[in-house]
């Protein structure tokens, strides 16, 4: 049964629903402890678009509240009752519109997040995440969504009312089915955790961050100048090199005003890979990479391909600077200005709560996570008048988490009792020419180049790379690469044990246990296929047949199956090493955000203290000047407290700064 709460007399005569008062609706809804919730709006932005309806109910009945004629605050106490849980699908959207009305539900369940957890690790598009798909998969019901696209044009009509009620007819039944699957996979704690965080994430998107337009335009001009400078350096290098005759030309026609320029000018379009590839191959670069989509090799001049080969030519470091400058100009320029909200004057980015297989956030419209770290860029994000900007980040979060999870004695000793300089420690482990009795503080001064070189090896090994990775990425010979790898792993024995276990564990289980505490998992989407292929290769006769087919038909399924298994196995093993560390970092951040959100709510500071920008291990707030010190202190306490469950063998601290702009 559908009930409508409205004061619009034009909607009173339908036989498709019954019109009741707000008081009657509250009496009808009162017995429900689990309430299905949805909204219909006139757009995506709560600041510029109207909240059309709020729907509350269950499978047996649904109440549609006409927010254009009825004060939604009549339902505020009902929706903020801590004894009630509100079910939604992508509930972050609904929460933002409720927050705009200063209504803050305390307990929520997001079916969309539950579905994401059940399929974490699977490629995008492999499993449909919409409510319509869930109703088909779990209930065999095909929901009619055709009305949704008409709401902006039609506003509130009989069809819209019936459609709106339909979205709160199946959420409870779907949740019941999801909970069975979540329990089977040990994900009940994970969904509880994510349901707590979604309230905070909706608040982050609602708050947004203020961008100083004048500062940003100055930054845009600086970025463009840098791009033009690096392009000129590229052209100049080619023009003065032995390749000049091939890649340069002379303007023999001249110009009536400027005369003749007889100097060779580079004619390479540096934005065109087709024009850059021939030169780079002549310089000795290996540009072959495996295309993840087509599974065939192609040639690429992306940064990640050429940067490890920078030593092969002085041109490559210039090209890398050019490419990075081009990314900054194209990605972090006018697009940001276009996204400033006309009402708030702030940028309200979209965040995907489970944006990666590790549970980290991802950011779009715009992407705030990949912003350049330079001071000029970050200084463009500012606090409002009367407010202060608070930046806090974890101190060496991934290093501490890795050392703790691996229980590596050498790392823990340096992080806990030493200077915390793992780069110098790595250099000492890897390079035998550094005296064994030299203090780490002296390595940074006396062996600066080796320490810098060691940083690359450290990153490589910590995330599952081996000696073969050094050969491929740094051009080292096999003997030297093996020596470096063995030195590193013998020095960090705990890390080696951790990595060896992770490599075996993932292929045994078919998933990566991201956290023992919450139960988050990333699934190996093609595990059954990989297992079947592994069993085939256990047959003694298999390899004789493989060698024969490799000679006769290298493109056959048998040969390709061996290659795919080796590639997927290596990918999964690296993920099994890396993912739990990144996941622990994501959980630290989310738990700190939950603690902060609850503190703000408890102390009446929600909507006064704004949560502006989250960046993996960093939290940025905006608070009234008179309470900024207190808020900064609470923020650090929330972050340190949140780190303790996930970093048990070392103290994970946080640094904080207060100013008038984004400081870190």
Foldseek 3Di string as FASTA:
>chain_A
DEEEAFPPPVACPDPVYHYDHPVVVCVVCVVAQEKEWDWAWLDQALVPTGTQWIWIDEQVYIYIYGVVGDPCVSCQCVQQPQSHEYEYALCLSVLLNVVVVVRARQHYAHQLVLVCLLAQQDDPPPQDRDPQSLCCVQPVDRQDPVCNVCCNVPPDDPVVSVSRRVRRNCRVVSVVVSVVSCVVLVQPLVRRLVRLLSSLQSQQLNQFFAFQVVLQQVVLVVLVVQLVVLVVVLFVVCLPDPNQVPQWDFDPVADPVPGGDGRTTGPADLVDCVRVVVVVVVLPFDQWDQDPVVRDIDGDDDCQRCVLVCVSDVSSVSSNSNVVSVCCNVQVHVLQVVQQDPRPNGHRWDWDQCVHSLRAIAIPSNTPQPDDPDPSRQQRGFFDPQKWKKKKFWDVQLLLLLCQVLVFPVSLCCCAPNPNLVLLVLLVLQDVVPDPPDDSVCCCVPVVVSSVVSVVVVVQVQLQHALVVCCNRNVDDSVSSNSRRVSNCVNGVSSVVLLVVLLVVCLVPQWAQLDPVSRRIRGNPCSVVLVVLVVQVVPPCLVVVLVVCCVVPCPDPSNVSVVVSVVSSSVSSSCNSPSSSLSLLNQLVSQLSSQLVVVCVVVVNRVQKGFYDDHSRMTMIMHRPVCVVVSNVSSQVSSQVSNCVSSPSHRTGMDMDMGGTRGD
